Amino acid sequence: AFSAHRTPAEVEDFASRAKERGLRVIIAGAGMAAALPG
């Protein structure tokens, strides 16, 4: 669970390291403003 609005630094860290960690696809769910996937 990460929040684009409440934990922006953690989202940035996760996303910027995703490829080097070996992730090949990210599924991101969000409601209302739904900024997280973007």
Full PDB file with SEQRES, HELIX, SHEET, SSBOND, CRYST1, ORIGX, SCALE, CONECT and MASTER records, all heavy atoms in Angstrom:
SEQRES   1 A   38  ALA PHE SER ALA HIS ARG THR PRO ALA GLU VAL GLU ASP          
SEQRES   2 A   38  PHE ALA SER ARG ALA LYS GLU ARG GLY LEU ARG VAL ILE          
SEQRES   3 A   38  ILE ALA GLY ALA GLY MET ALA ALA ALA LEU PRO GLY              
HELIX    1 AA1 PRO A    8  ARG A   17  1                                  10    
CRYST1    1.000    1.000    1.000  90.00  90.00  90.00 P 1           1          
ORIGX1      1.000000  0.000000  0.000000        0.00000                         
ORIGX2      0.000000  1.000000  0.000000        0.00000                         
ORIGX3      0.000000  0.000000  1.000000        0.00000                         
SCALE1      1.000000  0.000000  0.000000        0.00000                         
SCALE2      0.000000  1.000000  0.000000        0.00000                         
SCALE3      0.000000  0.000000  1.000000        0.00000                         
ATOM      1  N   ALA A   1       0.866  -1.182   0.000  1.00  0.00           N  
ATOM      2  CA  ALA A   1       0.000   0.000   0.000  1.00  0.00           C  
ATOM      3  C   ALA A   1       0.899   1.228   0.000  1.00  0.00           C  
ATOM      4  O   ALA A   1       1.769   1.371   0.869  1.00  0.00           O  
ATOM      5  CB  ALA A   1      -0.916  -0.006   1.217  1.00  0.00           C  
ATOM      6  N   PHE A   2       0.743   2.061  -1.009  1.00  0.00           N  
ATOM      7  CA  PHE A   2       1.434   3.347  -1.113  1.00  0.00           C  
ATOM      8  C   PHE A   2       0.395   4.372  -1.527  1.00  0.00           C  
ATOM      9  O   PHE A   2      -0.516   4.052  -2.281  1.00  0.00           O  
ATOM     10  CB  PHE A   2       2.529   3.330  -2.187  1.00  0.00           C  
ATOM     11  CG  PHE A   2       3.688   2.426  -1.910  1.00  0.00           C  
ATOM     12  CD1 PHE A   2       4.025   1.432  -2.810  1.00  0.00           C  
ATOM     13  CD2 PHE A   2       4.470   2.581  -0.770  1.00  0.00           C  
ATOM     14  CE1 PHE A   2       5.114   0.602  -2.580  1.00  0.00           C  
ATOM     15  CE2 PHE A   2       5.560   1.755  -0.534  1.00  0.00           C  
ATOM     16  CZ  PHE A   2       5.886   0.763  -1.446  1.00  0.00           C  
ATOM     17  N   SER A   3       0.576   5.582  -1.098  1.00  0.00           N  
ATOM     18  CA  SER A   3      -0.338   6.647  -1.478  1.00  0.00           C  
ATOM     19  C   SER A   3       0.421   7.743  -2.201  1.00  0.00           C  
ATOM     20  O   SER A   3       1.430   8.245  -1.689  1.00  0.00           O  
ATOM     21  CB  SER A   3      -1.018   7.232  -0.234  1.00  0.00           C  
ATOM     22  OG  SER A   3      -1.717   8.419  -0.566  1.00  0.00           O  
ATOM     23  N   ALA A   4      -0.062   8.107  -3.386  1.00  0.00           N  
ATOM     24  CA  ALA A   4       0.568   9.189  -4.143  1.00  0.00           C  
ATOM     25  C   ALA A   4       0.510  10.504  -3.373  1.00  0.00           C  
ATOM     26  O   ALA A   4       1.377  11.365  -3.545  1.00  0.00           O  
ATOM     27  CB  ALA A   4      -0.116   9.349  -5.499  1.00  0.00           C  
ATOM     28  N   HIS A   5      -0.470  10.638  -2.490  1.00  0.00           N  
ATOM     29  CA  HIS A   5      -0.651  11.891  -1.758  1.00  0.00           C  
ATOM     30  C   HIS A   5      -0.102  11.835  -0.333  1.00  0.00           C  
ATOM     31  O   HIS A   5       0.412  12.836   0.177  1.00  0.00           O  
ATOM     32  CB  HIS A   5      -2.138  12.270  -1.715  1.00  0.00           C  
ATOM     33  CG  HIS A   5      -2.724  12.434  -3.078  1.00  0.00           C  
ATOM     34  ND1 HIS A   5      -3.603  11.520  -3.614  1.00  0.00           N  
ATOM     35  CD2 HIS A   5      -2.524  13.372  -4.027  1.00  0.00           C  
ATOM     36  CE1 HIS A   5      -3.934  11.911  -4.836  1.00  0.00           C  
ATOM     37  NE2 HIS A   5      -3.290  13.025  -5.106  1.00  0.00           N  
ATOM     38  N   ARG A   6      -0.193  10.685   0.323  1.00  0.00           N  
ATOM     39  CA  ARG A   6       0.239  10.593   1.721  1.00  0.00           C  
ATOM     40  C   ARG A   6       1.666  10.063   1.885  1.00  0.00           C  
ATOM     41  O   ARG A   6       2.304  10.317   2.897  1.00  0.00           O  
ATOM     42  CB  ARG A   6      -0.750   9.731   2.511  1.00  0.00           C  
ATOM     43  CG  ARG A   6      -2.125  10.381   2.616  1.00  0.00           C  
ATOM     44  CD  ARG A   6      -3.095   9.501   3.386  1.00  0.00           C  
ATOM     45  NE  ARG A   6      -3.367   8.268   2.672  1.00  0.00           N  
ATOM     46  CZ  ARG A   6      -4.504   7.996   2.027  1.00  0.00           C  
ATOM     47  NH1 ARG A   6      -5.468   8.891   2.003  1.00  0.00           N  
ATOM     48  NH2 ARG A   6      -4.684   6.848   1.411  1.00  0.00           N  
ATOM     49  N   THR A   7       2.150   9.293   0.896  1.00  0.00           N  
ATOM     50  CA  THR A   7       3.523   8.773   0.967  1.00  0.00           C  
ATOM     51  C   THR A   7       4.237   8.987  -0.372  1.00  0.00           C  
ATOM     52  O   THR A   7       4.726   8.038  -0.988  1.00  0.00           O  
ATOM     53  CB  THR A   7       3.545   7.276   1.350  1.00  0.00           C  
ATOM     54  OG1 THR A   7       2.815   6.526   0.360  1.00  0.00           O  
ATOM     55  CG2 THR A   7       2.950   7.023   2.726  1.00  0.00           C  
ATOM     56  N   PRO A   8       4.295  10.211  -0.855  1.00  0.00           N  
ATOM     57  CA  PRO A   8       4.878  10.443  -2.181  1.00  0.00           C  
ATOM     58  C   PRO A   8       6.336  10.024  -2.307  1.00  0.00           C  
ATOM     59  O   PRO A   8       6.753   9.529  -3.362  1.00  0.00           O  
ATOM     60  CB  PRO A   8       4.695  11.943  -2.409  1.00  0.00           C  
ATOM     61  CG  PRO A   8       4.528  12.527  -1.056  1.00  0.00           C  
ATOM     62  CD  PRO A   8       3.872  11.458  -0.223  1.00  0.00           C  
ATOM     63  N   ALA A   9       7.137  10.198  -1.261  1.00  0.00           N  
ATOM     64  CA  ALA A   9       8.549   9.804  -1.333  1.00  0.00           C  
ATOM     65  C   ALA A   9       8.680   8.291  -1.488  1.00  0.00           C  
ATOM     66  O   ALA A   9       9.527   7.802  -2.259  1.00  0.00           O  
ATOM     67  CB  ALA A   9       9.298  10.284  -0.091  1.00  0.00           C  
ATOM     68  N   GLU A  10       7.843   7.538  -0.790  1.00  0.00           N  
ATOM     69  CA  GLU A  10       7.884   6.079  -0.886  1.00  0.00           C  
ATOM     70  C   GLU A  10       7.441   5.609  -2.278  1.00  0.00           C  
ATOM     71  O   GLU A  10       7.994   4.657  -2.821  1.00  0.00           O  
ATOM     72  CB  GLU A  10       7.008   5.445   0.203  1.00  0.00           C  
ATOM     73  CG  GLU A  10       7.584   5.541   1.597  1.00  0.00           C  
ATOM     74  CD  GLU A  10       7.324   6.876   2.294  1.00  0.00           C  
ATOM     75  OE1 GLU A  10       6.794   7.828   1.658  1.00  0.00           O  
ATOM     76  OE2 GLU A  10       7.673   6.972   3.486  1.00  0.00           O  
ATOM     77  N   VAL A  11       6.447   6.281  -2.852  1.00  0.00           N  
ATOM     78  CA  VAL A  11       5.993   5.945  -4.209  1.00  0.00           C  
ATOM     79  C   VAL A  11       7.118   6.198  -5.201  1.00  0.00           C  
ATOM     80  O   VAL A  11       7.410   5.354  -6.053  1.00  0.00           O  
ATOM     81  CB  VAL A  11       4.720   6.746  -4.598  1.00  0.00           C  
ATOM     82  CG1 VAL A  11       4.377   6.540  -6.066  1.00  0.00           C  
ATOM     83  CG2 VAL A  11       3.555   6.347  -3.715  1.00  0.00           C  
ATOM     84  N   GLU A  12       7.764   7.336  -5.084  1.00  0.00           N  
ATOM     85  CA  GLU A  12       8.879   7.677  -5.979  1.00  0.00           C  
ATOM     86  C   GLU A  12      10.009   6.657  -5.853  1.00  0.00           C  
ATOM     87  O   GLU A  12      10.568   6.195  -6.855  1.00  0.00           O  
ATOM     88  CB  GLU A  12       9.387   9.085  -5.662  1.00  0.00           C  
ATOM     89  CG  GLU A  12      10.662   9.467  -6.373  1.00  0.00           C  
ATOM     90  CD  GLU A  12      10.506   9.636  -7.865  1.00  0.00           C  
ATOM     91  OE1 GLU A  12       9.391   9.915  -8.334  1.00  0.00           O  
ATOM     92  OE2 GLU A  12      11.521   9.461  -8.572  1.00  0.00           O  
ATOM     93  N   ASP A  13      10.349   6.290  -4.624  1.00  0.00           N  
ATOM     94  CA  ASP A  13      11.413   5.311  -4.393  1.00  0.00           C  
ATOM     95  C   ASP A  13      11.043   3.954  -4.996  1.00  0.00           C  
ATOM     96  O   ASP A  13      11.843   3.332  -5.690  1.00  0.00           O  
ATOM     97  CB  ASP A  13      11.684   5.170  -2.889  1.00  0.00           C  
ATOM     98  CG  ASP A  13      12.795   4.185  -2.606  1.00  0.00           C  
ATOM     99  OD1 ASP A  13      13.933   4.426  -3.070  1.00  0.00           O  
ATOM    100  OD2 ASP A  13      12.528   3.177  -1.926  1.00  0.00           O  
ATOM    101  N   PHE A  14       9.809   3.521  -4.742  1.00  0.00           N  
ATOM    102  CA  PHE A  14       9.342   2.252  -5.298  1.00  0.00           C  
ATOM    103  C   PHE A  14       9.436   2.261  -6.817  1.00  0.00           C  
ATOM    104  O   PHE A  14       9.994   1.348  -7.433  1.00  0.00           O  
ATOM    105  CB  PHE A  14       7.894   1.970  -4.865  1.00  0.00           C  
ATOM    106  CG  PHE A  14       7.233   0.925  -5.710  1.00  0.00           C  
ATOM    107  CD1 PHE A  14       7.490  -0.420  -5.504  1.00  0.00           C  
ATOM    108  CD2 PHE A  14       6.376   1.283  -6.750  1.00  0.00           C  
ATOM    109  CE1 PHE A  14       6.913  -1.384  -6.312  1.00  0.00           C  
ATOM    110  CE2 PHE A  14       5.793   0.331  -7.555  1.00  0.00           C  
ATOM    111  CZ  PHE A  14       6.067  -1.013  -7.334  1.00  0.00           C  
ATOM    112  N   ALA A  15       8.870   3.287  -7.433  1.00  0.00           N  
ATOM    113  CA  ALA A  15       8.805   3.338  -8.896  1.00  0.00           C  
ATOM    114  C   ALA A  15      10.195   3.436  -9.522  1.00  0.00           C  
ATOM    115  O   ALA A  15      10.483   2.762 -10.513  1.00  0.00           O  
ATOM    116  CB  ALA A  15       7.935   4.512  -9.338  1.00  0.00           C  
ATOM    117  N   SER A  16      11.048   4.238  -8.953  1.00  0.00           N  
ATOM    118  CA  SER A  16      12.377   4.436  -9.550  1.00  0.00           C  
ATOM    119  C   SER A  16      13.254   3.192  -9.422  1.00  0.00           C  
ATOM    120  O   SER A  16      14.177   3.009 -10.212  1.00  0.00           O  
ATOM    121  CB  SER A  16      13.073   5.646  -8.926  1.00  0.00           C  
ATOM    122  OG  SER A  16      13.338   5.419  -7.563  1.00  0.00           O  
ATOM    123  N   ARG A  17      12.971   2.319  -8.467  1.00  0.00           N  
ATOM    124  CA  ARG A  17      13.753   1.093  -8.284  1.00  0.00           C  
ATOM    125  C   ARG A  17      13.061  -0.151  -8.844  1.00  0.00           C  
ATOM    126  O   ARG A  17      13.613  -1.247  -8.785  1.00  0.00           O  
ATOM    127  CB  ARG A  17      14.057   0.891  -6.799  1.00  0.00           C  
ATOM    128  CG  ARG A  17      14.974   1.957  -6.220  1.00  0.00           C  
ATOM    129  CD  ARG A  17      15.388   1.729  -4.766  1.00  0.00           C  
ATOM    130  NE  ARG A  17      14.341   1.254  -3.876  1.00  0.00           N  
ATOM    131  CZ  ARG A  17      14.229  -0.007  -3.432  1.00  0.00           C  
ATOM    132  NH1 ARG A  17      15.090  -0.921  -3.774  1.00  0.00           N  
ATOM    133  NH2 ARG A  17      13.248  -0.332  -2.612  1.00  0.00           N  
ATOM    134  N   ALA A  18      11.872  -0.018  -9.394  1.00  0.00           N  
ATOM    135  CA  ALA A  18      11.084  -1.178  -9.834  1.00  0.00           C  
ATOM    136  C   ALA A  18      11.837  -2.056 -10.835  1.00  0.00           C  
ATOM    137  O   ALA A  18      11.900  -3.284 -10.683  1.00  0.00           O  
ATOM    138  CB  ALA A  18       9.750  -0.719 -10.424  1.00  0.00           C  
ATOM    139  N   LYS A  19      12.402  -1.467 -11.856  1.00  0.00           N  
ATOM    140  CA  LYS A  19      13.079  -2.249 -12.897  1.00  0.00           C  
ATOM    141  C   LYS A  19      14.310  -2.956 -12.342  1.00  0.00           C  
ATOM    142  O   LYS A  19      14.501  -4.149 -12.592  1.00  0.00           O  
ATOM    143  CB  LYS A  19      13.438  -1.358 -14.073  1.00  0.00           C  
ATOM    144  CG  LYS A  19      13.965  -2.139 -15.258  1.00  0.00           C  
ATOM    145  CD  LYS A  19      14.130  -1.265 -16.467  1.00  0.00           C  
ATOM    146  CE  LYS A  19      14.529  -2.110 -17.665  1.00  0.00           C  
ATOM    147  NZ  LYS A  19      14.603  -1.310 -18.877  1.00  0.00           N  
ATOM    148  N   GLU A  20      15.132  -2.249 -11.581  1.00  0.00           N  
ATOM    149  CA  GLU A  20      16.348  -2.865 -11.036  1.00  0.00           C  
ATOM    150  C   GLU A  20      16.021  -3.977 -10.049  1.00  0.00           C  
ATOM    151  O   GLU A  20      16.824  -4.890  -9.852  1.00  0.00           O  
ATOM    152  CB  GLU A  20      17.270  -1.821 -10.404  1.00  0.00           C  
ATOM    153  CG  GLU A  20      16.792  -1.257  -9.090  1.00  0.00           C  
ATOM    154  CD  GLU A  20      17.681  -0.149  -8.542  1.00  0.00           C  
ATOM    155  OE1 GLU A  20      18.032   0.763  -9.310  1.00  0.00           O  
ATOM    156  OE2 GLU A  20      18.001  -0.196  -7.337  1.00  0.00           O  
ATOM    157  N   ARG A  21      14.841  -3.939  -9.444  1.00  0.00           N  
ATOM    158  CA  ARG A  21      14.412  -4.997  -8.525  1.00  0.00           C  
ATOM    159  C   ARG A  21      13.886  -6.215  -9.274  1.00  0.00           C  
ATOM    160  O   ARG A  21      13.568  -7.225  -8.671  1.00  0.00           O  
ATOM    161  CB  ARG A  21      13.324  -4.471  -7.582  1.00  0.00           C  
ATOM    162  CG  ARG A  21      13.849  -3.467  -6.569  1.00  0.00           C  
ATOM    163  CD  ARG A  21      12.779  -3.035  -5.571  1.00  0.00           C  
ATOM    164  NE  ARG A  21      12.063  -4.176  -5.039  1.00  0.00           N  
ATOM    165  CZ  ARG A  21      10.726  -4.327  -5.099  1.00  0.00           C  
ATOM    166  NH1 ARG A  21       9.967  -3.410  -5.652  1.00  0.00           N  
ATOM    167  NH2 ARG A  21      10.161  -5.397  -4.587  1.00  0.00           N  
ATOM    168  N   GLY A  22      13.742  -6.109 -10.595  1.00  0.00           N  
ATOM    169  CA  GLY A  22      13.283  -7.251 -11.392  1.00  0.00           C  
ATOM    170  C   GLY A  22      11.793  -7.264 -11.671  1.00  0.00           C  
ATOM    171  O   GLY A  22      11.282  -8.233 -12.236  1.00  0.00           O  
ATOM    172  N   LEU A  23      11.086  -6.210 -11.306  1.00  0.00           N  
ATOM    173  CA  LEU A  23       9.654  -6.153 -11.606  1.00  0.00           C  
ATOM    174  C   LEU A  23       9.470  -5.990 -13.106  1.00  0.00           C  
ATOM    175  O   LEU A  23      10.176  -5.234 -13.759  1.00  0.00           O  
ATOM    176  CB  LEU A  23       8.984  -5.009 -10.852  1.00  0.00           C  
ATOM    177  CG  LEU A  23       8.947  -5.165  -9.335  1.00  0.00           C  
ATOM    178  CD1 LEU A  23       8.389  -3.916  -8.671  1.00  0.00           C  
ATOM    179  CD2 LEU A  23       8.149  -6.393  -8.927  1.00  0.00           C  
ATOM    180  N   ARG A  24       8.482  -6.712 -13.651  1.00  0.00           N  
ATOM    181  CA  ARG A  24       8.226  -6.639 -15.082  1.00  0.00           C  
ATOM    182  C   ARG A  24       6.880  -6.019 -15.402  1.00  0.00           C  
ATOM    183  O   ARG A  24       6.647  -5.562 -16.514  1.00  0.00           O  
ATOM    184  CB  ARG A  24       8.352  -8.033 -15.690  1.00  0.00           C  
ATOM    185  CG  ARG A  24       9.829  -8.487 -15.561  1.00  0.00           C  
ATOM    186  CD  ARG A  24      10.147  -9.837 -16.089  1.00  0.00           C  
ATOM    187  NE  ARG A  24       9.680 -10.038 -17.443  1.00  0.00           N  
ATOM    188  CZ  ARG A  24       9.411 -11.244 -17.942  1.00  0.00           C  
ATOM    189  NH1 ARG A  24       9.580 -12.320 -17.210  1.00  0.00           N  
ATOM    190  NH2 ARG A  24       8.994 -11.357 -19.177  1.00  0.00           N  
ATOM    191  N   VAL A  25       5.953  -6.009 -14.422  1.00  0.00           N  
ATOM    192  CA  VAL A  25       4.643  -5.371 -14.575  1.00  0.00           C  
ATOM    193  C   VAL A  25       4.209  -4.876 -13.196  1.00  0.00           C  
ATOM    194  O   VAL A  25       4.426  -5.559 -12.194  1.00  0.00           O  
ATOM    195  CB  VAL A  25       3.569  -6.339 -15.133  1.00  0.00           C  
ATOM    196  CG1 VAL A  25       2.242  -5.616 -15.332  1.00  0.00           C  
ATOM    197  CG2 VAL A  25       4.003  -7.009 -16.417  1.00  0.00           C  
ATOM    198  N   ILE A  26       3.582  -3.707 -13.182  1.00  0.00           N  
ATOM    199  CA  ILE A  26       3.031  -3.150 -11.944  1.00  0.00           C  
ATOM    200  C   ILE A  26       1.526  -2.974 -12.141  1.00  0.00           C  
ATOM    201  O   ILE A  26       1.086  -2.401 -13.142  1.00  0.00           O  
ATOM    202  CB  ILE A  26       3.673  -1.789 -11.609  1.00  0.00           C  
ATOM    203  CG1 ILE A  26       5.182  -1.961 -11.380  1.00  0.00           C  
ATOM    204  CG2 ILE A  26       2.996  -1.151 -10.385  1.00  0.00           C  
ATOM    205  CD1 ILE A  26       5.952  -0.661 -11.358  1.00  0.00           C  
ATOM    206  N   ILE A  27       0.751  -3.491 -11.196  1.00  0.00           N  
ATOM    207  CA  ILE A  27      -0.698  -3.303 -11.182  1.00  0.00           C  
ATOM    208  C   ILE A  27      -0.981  -2.332 -10.040  1.00  0.00           C  
ATOM    209  O   ILE A  27      -0.664  -2.626  -8.885  1.00  0.00           O  
ATOM    210  CB  ILE A  27      -1.434  -4.634 -10.955  1.00  0.00           C  
ATOM    211  CG1 ILE A  27      -1.131  -5.624 -12.075  1.00  0.00           C  
ATOM    212  CG2 ILE A  27      -2.944  -4.394 -10.819  1.00  0.00           C  
ATOM    213  CD1 ILE A  27      -1.627  -7.036 -11.808  1.00  0.00           C  
ATOM    214  N   ALA A  28      -1.551  -1.173 -10.367  1.00  0.00           N  
ATOM    215  CA  ALA A  28      -1.773  -0.141  -9.356  1.00  0.00           C  
ATOM    216  C   ALA A  28      -3.249   0.232  -9.293  1.00  0.00           C  
ATOM    217  O   ALA A  28      -3.817   0.702 -10.273  1.00  0.00           O  
ATOM    218  CB  ALA A  28      -0.929   1.103  -9.667  1.00  0.00           C  
ATOM    219  N   GLY A  29      -3.848   0.009  -8.141  1.00  0.00           N  
ATOM    220  CA  GLY A  29      -5.253   0.346  -7.945  1.00  0.00           C  
ATOM    221  C   GLY A  29      -5.393   1.621  -7.149  1.00  0.00           C  
ATOM    222  O   GLY A  29      -4.630   1.865  -6.213  1.00  0.00           O  
ATOM    223  N   ALA A  30      -6.362   2.440  -7.543  1.00  0.00           N  
ATOM    224  CA  ALA A  30      -6.595   3.692  -6.824  1.00  0.00           C  
ATOM    225  C   ALA A  30      -8.013   4.170  -7.067  1.00  0.00           C  
ATOM    226  O   ALA A  30      -8.580   3.952  -8.133  1.00  0.00           O  
ATOM    227  CB  ALA A  30      -5.601   4.761  -7.275  1.00  0.00           C  
ATOM    228  N   GLY A  31      -8.565   4.840  -6.076  1.00  0.00           N  
ATOM    229  CA  GLY A  31      -9.897   5.415  -6.202  1.00  0.00           C  
ATOM    230  C   GLY A  31      -9.840   6.931  -6.174  1.00  0.00           C  
ATOM    231  O   GLY A  31      -8.772   7.530  -6.044  1.00  0.00           O  
ATOM    232  N   MET A  32     -10.979   7.525  -6.324  1.00  0.00           N  
ATOM    233  CA  MET A  32     -11.169   8.981  -6.324  1.00  0.00           C  
ATOM    234  C   MET A  32     -10.209   9.684  -7.293  1.00  0.00           C  
ATOM    235  O   MET A  32     -10.288   9.461  -8.483  1.00  0.00           O  
ATOM    236  CB  MET A  32     -11.092   9.536  -4.898  1.00  0.00           C  
ATOM    237  CG  MET A  32     -12.212   8.977  -4.028  1.00  0.00           C  
ATOM    238  SD  MET A  32     -12.411   9.772  -2.437  1.00  0.00           S  
ATOM    239  CE  MET A  32     -10.921   9.355  -1.592  1.00  0.00           C  
ATOM    240  N   ALA A  33      -9.265  10.496  -6.806  1.00  0.00           N  
ATOM    241  CA  ALA A  33      -8.357  11.228  -7.699  1.00  0.00           C  
ATOM    242  C   ALA A  33      -7.471  10.272  -8.488  1.00  0.00           C  
ATOM    243  O   ALA A  33      -7.020  10.595  -9.575  1.00  0.00           O  
ATOM    244  CB  ALA A  33      -7.492  12.195  -6.908  1.00  0.00           C  
ATOM    245  N   ALA A  34      -7.213   9.097  -7.955  1.00  0.00           N  
ATOM    246  CA  ALA A  34      -6.537   7.993  -8.638  1.00  0.00           C  
ATOM    247  C   ALA A  34      -5.214   8.383  -9.277  1.00  0.00           C  
ATOM    248  O   ALA A  34      -4.896   7.991 -10.386  1.00  0.00           O  
ATOM    249  CB  ALA A  34      -7.469   7.356  -9.662  1.00  0.00           C  
ATOM    250  N   ALA A  35      -4.404   9.135  -8.561  1.00  0.00           N  
ATOM    251  CA  ALA A  35      -3.117   9.586  -9.082  1.00  0.00           C  
ATOM    252  C   ALA A  35      -2.050   8.497  -9.059  1.00  0.00           C  
ATOM    253  O   ALA A  35      -1.084   8.563  -9.817  1.00  0.00           O  
ATOM    254  CB  ALA A  35      -2.634  10.791  -8.280  1.00  0.00           C  
ATOM    255  N   LEU A  36      -2.209   7.492  -8.212  1.00  0.00           N  
ATOM    256  CA  LEU A  36      -1.158   6.505  -7.972  1.00  0.00           C  
ATOM    257  C   LEU A  36      -0.606   5.840  -9.233  1.00  0.00           C  
ATOM    258  O   LEU A  36       0.605   5.831  -9.439  1.00  0.00           O  
ATOM    259  CB  LEU A  36      -1.635   5.467  -6.953  1.00  0.00           C  
ATOM    260  CG  LEU A  36      -0.620   4.419  -6.525  1.00  0.00           C  
ATOM    261  CD1 LEU A  36       0.590   5.064  -5.851  1.00  0.00           C  
ATOM    262  CD2 LEU A  36      -1.282   3.427  -5.568  1.00  0.00           C  
ATOM    263  N   PRO A  37      -1.439   5.268 -10.114  1.00  0.00           N  
ATOM    264  CA  PRO A  37      -0.867   4.613 -11.301  1.00  0.00           C  
ATOM    265  C   PRO A  37      -0.040   5.567 -12.162  1.00  0.00           C  
ATOM    266  O   PRO A  37       1.050   5.208 -12.631  1.00  0.00           O  
ATOM    267  CB  PRO A  37      -2.097   4.100 -12.059  1.00  0.00           C  
ATOM    268  CG  PRO A  37      -3.158   3.961 -11.020  1.00  0.00           C  
ATOM    269  CD  PRO A  37      -2.899   5.076 -10.050  1.00  0.00           C  
ATOM    270  N   GLY A  38      -0.506   6.771 -12.356  1.00  0.00           N  
ATOM    271  CA  GLY A  38       0.210   7.742 -13.180  1.00  0.00           C  
ATOM    272  C   GLY A  38       1.500   8.207 -12.544  1.00  0.00           C  
ATOM    273  O   GLY A  38       2.514   8.384 -13.228  1.00  0.00           O  
TER     274      GLY A  38                                                      
MASTER        0    0    0    1    0    0    0    6  273    1    0    3          
END                                                                             
